[in-house]
Amino acid sequence: MSFTDYLTKADNETCVVIQAETRGAIEHIEEIVAIKDVDAILIGPYDLSANLGYTGEITHPEVVAAIDKVESACKQVGVKLGYFGVNAESVLPYREKGFTLLTIGVDSLFVLNSAQLLLDEMNA
């Protein structure tokens, strides 16, 4: 494969996802989504809430307004939307709103849940 072919192939197979988790990212979201080759914006609501001063309060009005601003900016230019949630229930409302990049859970919770199932089985 020539280097030119490689670059074309790599460009076609690479997905650029920007995490919008700070006040600065929210303030400049229109400029961020206008960058050529940005494929998606991923919102981490817990990190975003902490950065906005409302740690863990992902339903705080300012956090919700920030998420809405990202959603609007992405939809205006056709950039895909992503959302992180700790469980399926937390991401379902975003799937219904058209978010297509959904990340669910964290490794420590997977280990904890598996350990709890094992303990429950042992104590049954």
Protein backbone atom coordinates (compact mmCIF):
# COMPACT_ATOMS: atom_id res chain seq x y z
CA MET A 1 0.00 0.00 0.00
CA SER A 2 1.38 3.39 -0.92
CA PHE A 3 1.67 6.09 1.70
CA THR A 4 -1.01 8.12 -0.08
CA ASP A 5 -3.36 5.13 -0.04
CA TYR A 6 -2.58 4.58 3.63
CA LEU A 7 -3.42 8.20 4.46
CA THR A 8 -6.72 7.95 2.59
CA LYS A 9 -7.58 4.68 4.30
CA ALA A 10 -6.59 5.97 7.74
CA ASP A 11 -8.61 9.15 7.24
CA ASN A 12 -11.67 7.13 6.24
CA GLU A 13 -11.32 4.76 9.20
CA THR A 14 -10.51 7.26 11.95
CA CYS A 15 -13.20 8.72 14.16
CA VAL A 16 -12.42 11.97 15.96
CA VAL A 17 -14.41 12.33 19.18
CA ILE A 18 -14.05 15.40 21.37
CA GLN A 19 -15.07 15.22 25.02
CA ALA A 20 -17.02 18.30 26.12
CA GLU A 21 -16.57 18.31 29.88
CA THR A 22 -15.46 21.83 30.79
CA ARG A 23 -16.95 25.31 30.92
CA GLY A 24 -14.49 26.33 28.20
CA ALA A 25 -15.64 23.54 25.90
CA ILE A 26 -19.26 24.58 26.39
CA GLU A 27 -18.48 28.26 25.81
CA HIS A 28 -16.70 27.41 22.54
CA ILE A 29 -18.82 24.48 21.37
CA GLU A 30 -19.92 26.20 18.15
CA GLU A 31 -16.27 26.67 17.14
CA ILE A 32 -15.38 23.11 18.16
CA VAL A 33 -18.12 21.47 16.11
CA ALA A 34 -17.14 23.61 13.11
CA ILE A 35 -13.67 22.00 13.00
CA LYS A 36 -13.33 19.86 9.88
CA ASP A 37 -13.20 16.14 10.61
CA VAL A 38 -14.71 16.30 14.12
CA ASP A 39 -17.03 13.31 13.99
CA ALA A 40 -18.68 13.42 17.42
CA ILE A 41 -18.88 15.23 20.73
CA LEU A 42 -19.02 13.05 23.84
CA ILE A 43 -20.55 14.54 26.97
CA GLY A 44 -19.35 13.23 30.31
CA PRO A 45 -22.04 14.64 32.62
CA TYR A 46 -20.20 13.87 35.85
CA ASP A 47 -16.96 15.56 34.82
CA LEU A 48 -18.97 18.42 33.31
CA SER A 49 -21.01 18.88 36.49
CA ALA A 50 -17.81 18.95 38.58
CA ASN A 51 -16.18 21.47 36.27
CA LEU A 52 -19.24 23.71 36.45
CA GLY A 53 -19.17 23.58 40.27
CA TYR A 54 -22.03 21.11 40.79
CA THR A 55 -20.16 17.86 41.40
CA GLY A 56 -22.42 14.88 40.75
CA GLU A 57 -25.50 17.06 40.17
CA ILE A 58 -26.03 16.04 36.56
CA THR A 59 -29.63 17.31 36.60
CA HIS A 60 -28.68 20.77 37.91
CA PRO A 61 -30.21 23.40 35.58
CA GLU A 62 -26.80 24.79 34.57
CA VAL A 63 -25.51 21.31 33.71
CA VAL A 64 -28.66 20.50 31.73
CA ALA A 65 -28.39 23.85 29.91
CA ALA A 66 -24.78 23.07 29.00
CA ILE A 67 -25.76 19.66 27.63
CA ASP A 68 -28.62 21.24 25.68
CA LYS A 69 -26.19 23.80 24.20
CA VAL A 70 -23.88 21.01 23.00
CA GLU A 71 -26.83 19.10 21.56
CA SER A 72 -28.07 22.13 19.66
CA ALA A 73 -24.63 23.00 18.26
CA CYS A 74 -24.03 19.43 17.11
CA LYS A 75 -27.42 19.06 15.47
CA GLN A 76 -26.99 22.35 13.58
CA VAL A 77 -23.90 21.06 11.78
CA GLY A 78 -24.53 17.31 11.73
CA VAL A 79 -21.91 16.27 14.29
CA LYS A 80 -22.84 13.07 16.13
CA LEU A 81 -23.67 13.25 19.83
CA GLY A 82 -22.35 11.02 22.58
CA TYR A 83 -23.22 10.62 26.24
CA PHE A 84 -21.70 8.69 29.14
CA GLY A 85 -23.97 7.10 31.72
CA VAL A 86 -23.41 4.76 34.65
CA ASN A 87 -26.23 2.44 33.53
CA ALA A 88 -28.60 1.84 30.64
CA GLU A 89 -31.41 3.77 32.31
CA SER A 90 -29.29 6.93 32.42
CA VAL A 91 -28.51 6.92 28.69
CA LEU A 92 -31.93 5.95 27.32
CA PRO A 93 -33.31 9.52 27.35
CA TYR A 94 -30.32 10.62 25.29
CA ARG A 95 -30.77 7.81 22.80
CA GLU A 96 -34.36 9.01 22.37
CA LYS A 97 -33.00 12.53 21.68
CA GLY A 98 -30.82 11.22 18.87
CA PHE A 99 -27.51 10.66 20.63
CA THR A 100 -25.80 7.75 18.87
CA LEU A 101 -22.50 7.31 20.75
CA LEU A 102 -23.53 5.91 24.12
CA THR A 103 -21.00 4.69 26.67
CA ILE A 104 -22.44 2.83 29.61
CA GLY A 105 -20.74 1.93 32.87
CA VAL A 106 -17.19 1.97 34.14
CA ASP A 107 -14.80 -0.88 34.78
CA SER A 108 -14.92 -0.55 38.57
CA LEU A 109 -18.73 -0.86 38.56
CA PHE A 110 -18.55 -3.92 36.30
CA VAL A 111 -16.13 -5.57 38.73
CA LEU A 112 -18.23 -4.55 41.75
CA ASN A 113 -21.45 -5.86 40.19
CA SER A 114 -19.82 -9.15 39.21
CA ALA A 115 -18.38 -9.58 42.69
CA GLN A 116 -21.79 -8.87 44.22
CA LEU A 117 -23.42 -11.50 41.98
CA LEU A 118 -20.78 -14.02 43.03
CA LEU A 119 -21.29 -13.22 46.72
CA ASP A 120 -25.06 -13.50 46.33
CA GLU A 121 -24.61 -16.88 44.64
CA MET A 122 -22.29 -18.09 47.40
CA ASN A 123 -24.69 -16.94 50.12
CA ALA A 124 -27.81 -18.38 48.48
